[in-house]
Amino acid sequence: MNSPIIDDLTWRYTTKSYEPTKKISAENMAIIEEALRLSASSINSQPWRFIILESDEAKQRFSNTFANKFFPNKPHATNASHIILFAHNTHYSKQDFEAVIDQNILDGRLTEDKKDDAVSKFSFADLYTEPNGYNANWTKAQLYLAFGNMLHVLARLKIDSTPLEGIDIQLVEKEFSQELEGFSCPVALAIGYHDESDFNAKLPKSRLPAEKVIKKI
């Protein structure tokens, strides 16, 4: 199959070891940041924050959160070029959504007279919101849309990546509480360039056959 999309997805894999001296360029980081911002979400809710760790100090703080578990992931914290913390609002409110609509108006997507109708679409989020305002299951799902988008963007840029669900969420949220501003961080992403010891880079791609996972009716 001749397709740049398939080429991207065939190229990417989960990197196991990073070369700490190889850094992502400022140009590519600008693309990554804009791609995160442009990610899709239900009702365009955008219930997220993306905390990019690029300084040695910030990455060391992240490394310190591996004090109790997930030790195999600890080297990525300091060896990868950057770490992205993916965080979501666990109590996404109508007021939060109204701020999105206000931005729509500033961007020319909506006119002021259509604001009330647009804000009424928050009723969809209400379906997933508990009486105390908790709707983390819904907002976390939106976060993973951005996460998947980023994996493909990185593959297009030929930048290696490692999804990190193996993080100590409590310690991460404690260490970065100021930056997260009350949001929850269930997953992080190490990005950079693999080193020669990365065994996974040399292995062939392996997935279940199409007939096992795709049904046409």
Protein backbone atom coordinates (compact mmCIF):
# COMPACT_ATOMS: atom_id res chain seq x y z
CA MET A 1 0.00 0.00 0.00
CA ASN A 2 1.50 3.30 -1.13
CA SER A 3 0.47 5.98 1.36
CA PRO A 4 2.44 8.45 3.50
CA ILE A 5 -0.07 7.82 6.31
CA ILE A 6 0.70 4.09 6.32
CA ASP A 7 4.41 4.86 6.06
CA ASP A 8 4.16 7.04 9.19
CA LEU A 9 2.29 4.40 11.19
CA THR A 10 4.61 1.63 10.06
CA TRP A 11 7.65 3.70 11.01
CA ARG A 12 6.60 4.50 14.58
CA TYR A 13 7.15 2.17 17.52
CA THR A 14 7.54 2.52 21.27
CA THR A 15 11.08 3.68 21.92
CA LYS A 16 12.88 1.87 24.73
CA SER A 17 16.08 3.91 25.04
CA TYR A 18 16.88 7.55 24.20
CA GLU A 19 20.03 9.36 23.16
CA PRO A 20 20.19 12.23 25.71
CA THR A 21 22.40 14.47 23.56
CA LYS A 22 19.94 14.60 20.64
CA LYS A 23 17.35 17.34 21.07
CA ILE A 24 14.22 18.19 19.13
CA SER A 25 14.60 21.43 17.19
CA ALA A 26 12.71 24.57 18.15
CA GLU A 27 10.98 24.44 14.76
CA ASN A 28 9.65 20.94 15.36
CA MET A 29 8.63 21.79 18.92
CA ALA A 30 6.56 24.67 17.56
CA ILE A 31 4.79 22.21 15.24
CA ILE A 32 4.19 19.82 18.14
CA GLU A 33 2.71 22.56 20.31
CA GLU A 34 0.37 23.76 17.57
CA ALA A 35 -0.68 20.17 16.76
CA LEU A 36 -1.59 19.65 20.41
CA ARG A 37 -3.67 22.82 20.37
CA LEU A 38 -5.48 21.74 17.20
CA SER A 39 -6.46 18.30 18.52
CA ALA A 40 -10.09 17.24 18.24
CA SER A 41 -12.43 16.93 21.23
CA SER A 42 -16.12 16.30 21.82
CA ILE A 43 -18.16 19.52 21.37
CA ASN A 44 -14.77 21.21 20.94
CA SER A 45 -14.53 21.16 24.74
CA GLN A 46 -10.70 21.14 24.92
CA PRO A 47 -10.71 20.07 28.60
CA TRP A 48 -6.96 19.69 28.77
CA ARG A 49 -3.55 21.07 29.61
CA PHE A 50 -0.25 19.99 28.07
CA ILE A 51 2.78 20.57 30.28
CA ILE A 52 6.01 20.35 28.27
CA LEU A 53 9.11 19.52 30.28
CA GLU A 54 12.20 20.68 28.43
CA SER A 55 14.64 21.99 31.05
CA ASP A 56 16.95 19.61 32.89
CA GLU A 57 15.41 20.80 36.15
CA ALA A 58 11.85 20.00 35.05
CA LYS A 59 12.83 16.58 33.71
CA GLN A 60 14.65 15.80 36.96
CA ARG A 61 11.48 16.68 38.88
CA PHE A 62 9.65 14.17 36.70
CA SER A 63 12.39 11.60 37.27
CA ASN A 64 11.94 12.01 41.02
CA THR A 65 8.33 10.81 40.74
CA PHE A 66 9.58 7.31 39.90
CA ALA A 67 10.66 6.78 43.51
CA ASN A 68 8.26 3.92 44.24
CA LYS A 69 7.28 2.16 41.02
CA PHE A 70 7.51 1.96 37.23
CA PHE A 71 11.30 1.99 37.45
CA PRO A 72 11.90 0.89 33.80
CA ASN A 73 10.38 4.18 32.65
CA LYS A 74 12.59 6.35 34.84
CA PRO A 75 15.50 6.73 32.35
CA HIS A 76 13.14 8.27 29.79
CA ALA A 77 12.46 11.14 32.19
CA THR A 78 15.94 12.59 31.79
CA ASN A 79 17.22 10.96 28.57
CA ALA A 80 14.35 11.94 26.27
CA SER A 81 14.55 15.35 24.65
CA HIS A 82 11.21 16.41 26.11
CA ILE A 83 8.39 15.02 28.24
CA ILE A 84 4.78 16.02 27.69
CA LEU A 85 2.37 15.69 30.61
CA PHE A 86 -1.19 15.18 29.35
CA ALA A 87 -3.73 16.51 31.86
CA HIS A 88 -7.50 16.85 31.90
CA ASN A 89 -10.09 18.79 33.88
CA THR A 90 -11.97 16.35 36.13
CA HIS A 91 -14.80 18.81 36.77
CA TYR A 92 -15.31 20.45 33.41
CA SER A 93 -18.08 23.00 33.84
CA LYS A 94 -20.49 25.02 31.76
CA GLN A 95 -18.35 28.05 32.55
CA ASP A 96 -15.31 26.27 31.12
CA PHE A 97 -17.26 25.55 27.95
CA GLU A 98 -18.49 29.14 27.76
CA ALA A 99 -14.86 30.28 27.65
CA VAL A 100 -14.40 28.06 24.58
CA ILE A 101 -17.46 29.62 22.95
CA ASP A 102 -16.13 33.10 23.70
CA GLN A 103 -12.95 32.12 21.86
CA ASN A 104 -15.09 30.88 18.94
CA ILE A 105 -16.59 34.35 18.74
CA LEU A 106 -13.17 36.04 18.85
CA ASP A 107 -11.97 33.72 16.08
CA GLY A 108 -14.98 34.55 13.90
CA ARG A 109 -16.42 31.06 14.05
CA LEU A 110 -19.58 32.31 15.79
CA THR A 111 -21.40 35.59 16.14
CA GLU A 112 -22.42 36.94 19.52
CA ASP A 113 -26.13 36.37 18.85
CA LYS A 114 -25.47 32.62 18.48
CA LYS A 115 -23.67 32.29 21.82
CA ASP A 116 -26.58 30.99 23.91
CA ASP A 117 -27.39 28.31 21.36
CA ALA A 118 -23.73 27.24 21.23
CA VAL A 119 -23.41 27.11 25.02
CA SER A 120 -26.52 24.92 25.17
CA LYS A 121 -24.48 22.13 23.58
CA PHE A 122 -22.93 21.63 27.02
CA SER A 123 -26.00 19.47 27.64
CA PHE A 124 -24.02 16.68 25.95
CA ALA A 125 -21.34 16.94 28.64
CA ASP A 126 -24.08 16.96 31.26
CA LEU A 127 -24.88 13.40 30.24
CA TYR A 128 -21.51 12.35 31.67
CA THR A 129 -21.43 14.69 34.65
CA GLU A 130 -22.24 13.52 38.18
CA PRO A 131 -24.21 15.74 40.59
CA ASN A 132 -20.97 16.92 42.19
CA GLY A 133 -19.63 18.06 38.81
CA TYR A 134 -17.25 15.13 38.32
CA ASN A 135 -16.94 14.12 34.65
CA ALA A 136 -13.36 12.86 34.49
CA ASN A 137 -14.25 9.73 32.51
CA TRP A 138 -15.53 11.93 29.69
CA THR A 139 -12.70 14.49 29.79
CA LYS A 140 -10.07 11.75 29.97
CA ALA A 141 -11.49 10.29 26.76
CA GLN A 142 -10.96 13.68 25.08
CA LEU A 143 -7.38 13.75 26.35
CA TYR A 144 -6.61 10.48 24.59
CA LEU A 145 -7.84 11.94 21.30
CA ALA A 146 -5.05 14.50 21.63
CA PHE A 147 -2.62 11.77 22.68
CA GLY A 148 -3.33 9.67 19.58
CA ASN A 149 -3.07 12.73 17.37
CA MET A 150 0.35 13.48 18.81
CA LEU A 151 1.68 9.98 18.12
CA HIS A 152 0.97 10.42 14.42
CA VAL A 153 2.35 13.96 14.32
CA LEU A 154 5.60 12.73 15.85
CA ALA A 155 5.81 9.89 13.36
CA ARG A 156 5.39 12.38 10.50
CA LEU A 157 8.27 14.42 11.96
CA LYS A 158 10.35 11.25 12.44
CA ILE A 159 10.57 11.88 16.17
CA ASP A 160 10.57 8.87 18.48
CA SER A 161 8.08 8.54 21.32
CA THR A 162 7.18 6.43 24.33
CA PRO A 163 3.67 6.48 25.83
CA LEU A 164 4.00 6.55 29.61
CA GLU A 165 0.90 5.31 31.38
CA GLY A 166 3.35 3.76 33.80
CA ILE A 167 3.71 6.85 35.97
CA ASP A 168 2.95 7.43 39.63
CA ILE A 169 -0.04 9.70 39.12
CA GLN A 170 -0.19 10.81 42.75
CA LEU A 171 3.47 11.82 42.83
CA VAL A 172 3.30 13.49 39.42
CA GLU A 173 0.26 15.52 40.43
CA LYS A 174 1.93 16.48 43.70
CA GLU A 175 5.23 17.46 42.09
CA PHE A 176 3.60 19.48 39.32
CA SER A 177 0.58 20.73 41.25
CA GLN A 178 1.33 24.36 40.47
CA GLU A 179 1.58 23.73 36.73
CA LEU A 180 -1.39 21.36 36.57
CA GLU A 181 -3.70 23.78 38.36
CA GLY A 182 -5.97 21.05 39.70
CA PHE A 183 -6.06 18.99 36.49
CA SER A 184 -5.37 15.25 36.60
CA CYS A 185 -2.39 13.75 34.74
CA PRO A 186 -2.97 10.06 33.88
CA VAL A 187 -0.37 9.77 31.13
CA ALA A 188 2.84 11.31 29.83
CA LEU A 189 4.76 11.07 26.57
CA ALA A 190 8.53 10.90 26.22
CA ILE A 191 9.77 12.26 22.89
CA GLY A 192 13.19 12.48 21.29
CA TYR A 193 15.54 10.19 19.37
CA HIS A 194 16.47 6.59 20.17
CA ASP A 195 20.01 5.43 20.79
CA GLU A 196 21.79 2.40 19.38
CA SER A 197 20.86 0.19 22.32
CA ASP A 198 17.13 0.44 21.57
CA PHE A 199 16.27 -3.15 20.67
CA ASN A 200 12.73 -2.27 19.65
CA ALA A 201 13.97 -0.10 16.79
CA LYS A 202 15.36 -3.18 15.05
CA LEU A 203 12.29 -5.40 15.31
CA PRO A 204 9.69 -5.79 12.55
CA LYS A 205 6.26 -4.22 12.96
CA SER A 206 3.66 -6.63 14.33
CA ARG A 207 -0.11 -6.21 14.50
CA LEU A 208 -3.08 -8.55 14.36
CA PRO A 209 -4.23 -9.23 10.80
CA ALA A 210 -6.92 -6.96 9.39
CA GLU A 211 -9.54 -9.72 9.32
CA LYS A 212 -9.20 -10.09 13.10
CA VAL A 213 -9.89 -6.45 13.93
CA ILE A 214 -11.91 -5.04 11.01
CA LYS A 215 -15.41 -6.22 10.09
CA LYS A 216 -17.22 -4.98 7.00
CA ILE A 217 -20.99 -5.31 6.92
